[in-house]
Structure formats: structure tokens, C-alpha cells
Amino acid sequence: MTRLNLLLLLAVIGTALLLVHTQYQSRQLYGQYYRAQAEARTLETEYERLQVERRAQATPLRIETLVKDKLKMRTTTPAITLYVRADGTVIPAVPPAPPVVPAGTPAAAAAARSTR
């Protein structure tokens, strides 16, 4: 009988220790869970702040200013546009203006006759 009582006492003590250990682990896990939730909220707030900052940085006016100032780019115009044909020849978008010939020269007289 004493052996049985001793065996049952050891089983109760072992079960009690296991229960205490399980409760301790449970409390630790809940603490980690709440810390993770707080960190998730912090990260969400940071993410939203960064999204707002990104939208503010990506305004067309700011991008245009950066492109002009830092990259030294300019808006395209027909005067600076060139088109490349399939055979590799390059043609301007706007035909070049005819050369200005000073009046009173033989070239000016010939140009005037050819336009009539």
C-alpha cells in the first residue's frame, strides 16, 4: 500500500510540475504574442507613413523639377527630334529651314528666279 501511495504521490507531484511548466510557457507565449501584435501595429503605422511620403515624393511637379535640375533633361520639341527609318537613315522631324542668302548676291538673284 505504501508503494502505491508513493507512486501516486510522485504522479501527482509530476503532474503538478508539468502543469506549472505548461502555465509558465503559456504566459511566455502570450507575452510574445502581445509584443508581436504591438510590433505589427508599429510596422503598419510606419508603412502607412511611408506610403504617404512616397505619394508626396512622386508628384509630377517634383519629378519634372528633379529631371530638369539633376539630370539636365529638357522637353522634346520637333526641332530636336530625329526619326530613324528602317534602313538606318535619320530624318529630322521638322525639315531644315532654307538658308538665308543676303540680298544683292548672285545666289539671291538665282533663288528669286527659281521661286517664280
Protein backbone atom coordinates (compact mmCIF):
# COMPACT_ATOMS: atom_id res chain seq x y z
CA MET A 1 0.00 0.00 0.00
CA THR A 2 2.82 2.43 0.80
CA ARG A 3 4.35 1.73 -2.59
CA LEU A 4 1.09 2.56 -4.28
CA ASN A 5 0.73 5.74 -2.19
CA LEU A 6 4.33 6.73 -3.01
CA LEU A 7 3.76 6.05 -6.70
CA LEU A 8 0.53 8.10 -6.69
CA LEU A 9 2.28 10.92 -4.79
CA LEU A 10 5.07 11.01 -7.40
CA ALA A 11 2.45 11.02 -10.18
CA VAL A 12 0.61 13.95 -8.55
CA ILE A 13 3.85 15.88 -8.00
CA GLY A 14 4.96 15.19 -11.59
CA THR A 15 1.58 16.27 -12.94
CA ALA A 16 1.65 19.43 -10.80
CA LEU A 17 5.14 20.30 -12.04
CA LEU A 18 4.05 19.69 -15.63
CA LEU A 19 1.02 21.93 -15.08
CA VAL A 20 3.17 24.72 -13.61
CA HIS A 21 5.63 24.42 -16.50
CA THR A 22 2.78 24.50 -19.05
CA GLN A 23 1.27 27.60 -17.44
CA TYR A 24 4.68 29.28 -17.44
CA GLN A 25 5.17 28.54 -21.14
CA SER A 26 1.63 29.75 -21.85
CA ARG A 27 2.33 33.06 -20.14
CA GLN A 28 5.56 33.46 -22.05
CA LEU A 29 3.81 32.74 -25.34
CA TYR A 30 1.05 35.25 -24.57
CA GLY A 31 3.69 37.86 -23.80
CA GLN A 32 5.41 37.17 -27.12
CA TYR A 33 2.04 37.30 -28.87
CA TYR A 34 1.18 40.72 -27.43
CA ARG A 35 4.66 42.05 -28.25
CA ALA A 36 4.29 40.77 -31.82
CA GLN A 37 0.89 42.45 -32.11
CA ALA A 38 2.33 45.75 -30.85
CA GLU A 39 5.20 45.46 -33.32
CA ALA A 40 2.72 44.70 -36.13
CA ARG A 41 0.77 47.85 -35.26
CA THR A 42 4.01 49.86 -35.23
CA LEU A 43 5.02 48.44 -38.60
CA GLU A 44 1.58 49.16 -40.08
CA THR A 45 1.81 52.76 -38.91
CA GLU A 46 5.31 53.07 -40.37
CA TYR A 47 4.13 51.52 -43.66
CA GLU A 48 1.24 53.97 -43.94
CA ARG A 49 3.59 56.88 -43.19
CA LEU A 50 5.99 55.69 -45.89
CA GLN A 51 3.13 55.34 -48.39
CA VAL A 52 2.08 58.94 -47.73
CA GLU A 53 5.68 60.08 -48.09
CA ARG A 54 6.07 58.15 -51.35
CA ARG A 55 2.93 59.72 -52.78
CA ALA A 56 4.23 63.15 -51.78
CA GLN A 57 7.59 62.45 -53.44
CA ALA A 58 6.02 61.23 -56.69
CA THR A 59 4.15 64.38 -57.67
CA PRO A 60 4.58 65.30 -61.34
CA LEU A 61 5.89 68.77 -60.49
CA ARG A 62 8.61 67.40 -58.21
CA ILE A 63 9.64 64.77 -60.76
CA GLU A 64 9.84 67.39 -63.51
CA THR A 65 11.97 69.64 -61.30
CA LEU A 66 14.35 66.78 -60.46
CA VAL A 67 14.64 65.76 -64.09
CA LYS A 68 15.47 69.29 -65.20
CA ASP A 69 17.86 70.11 -62.35
CA LYS A 70 19.72 66.88 -61.66
CA LEU A 71 19.53 65.03 -64.96
CA LYS A 72 19.68 68.15 -67.15
CA MET A 73 16.89 66.84 -69.36
CA ARG A 74 14.57 69.02 -71.39
CA THR A 75 11.18 68.66 -73.01
CA THR A 76 11.16 67.28 -76.51
CA THR A 77 10.32 69.56 -79.39
CA PRO A 78 10.11 68.83 -83.10
CA ALA A 79 13.29 70.86 -83.56
CA ILE A 80 15.38 68.36 -81.57
CA THR A 81 13.54 65.19 -82.58
CA LEU A 82 15.06 62.80 -85.10
CA TYR A 83 13.34 59.81 -86.68
CA VAL A 84 15.24 56.71 -87.75
CA ARG A 85 13.97 54.77 -90.74
CA ALA A 86 14.14 51.01 -91.05
CA ASP A 87 17.12 51.29 -93.39
CA GLY A 88 19.04 53.27 -90.75
CA THR A 89 18.80 56.74 -92.23
CA VAL A 90 17.94 59.58 -89.91
CA ILE A 91 15.49 62.32 -90.83
CA PRO A 92 14.58 65.36 -88.73
CA ALA A 93 11.03 65.81 -87.53
CA VAL A 94 10.98 69.36 -88.90
CA PRO A 95 12.61 69.98 -92.27
CA PRO A 96 15.51 72.40 -92.00
CA ALA A 97 14.84 76.00 -92.94
CA PRO A 98 16.27 77.12 -96.29
CA PRO A 99 19.50 79.06 -95.91
CA VAL A 100 19.16 82.80 -95.77
CA VAL A 101 21.05 84.39 -98.64
CA PRO A 102 21.96 88.06 -98.29
CA ALA A 103 20.26 90.30 -100.84
CA GLY A 104 22.32 91.62 -103.70
CA THR A 105 24.39 88.45 -104.21
CA PRO A 106 24.24 86.33 -107.32
CA ALA A 107 22.86 83.40 -105.27
CA ALA A 108 19.97 85.59 -104.08
CA ALA A 109 19.11 86.56 -107.66
CA ALA A 110 19.18 82.89 -108.72
CA ALA A 111 16.98 81.90 -105.77
CA ALA A 112 14.48 84.64 -106.62
CA ARG A 113 14.28 83.44 -110.24
CA SER A 114 13.73 79.81 -109.22
CA THR A 115 10.79 80.66 -106.97
CA ARG A 116 8.85 82.41 -109.81
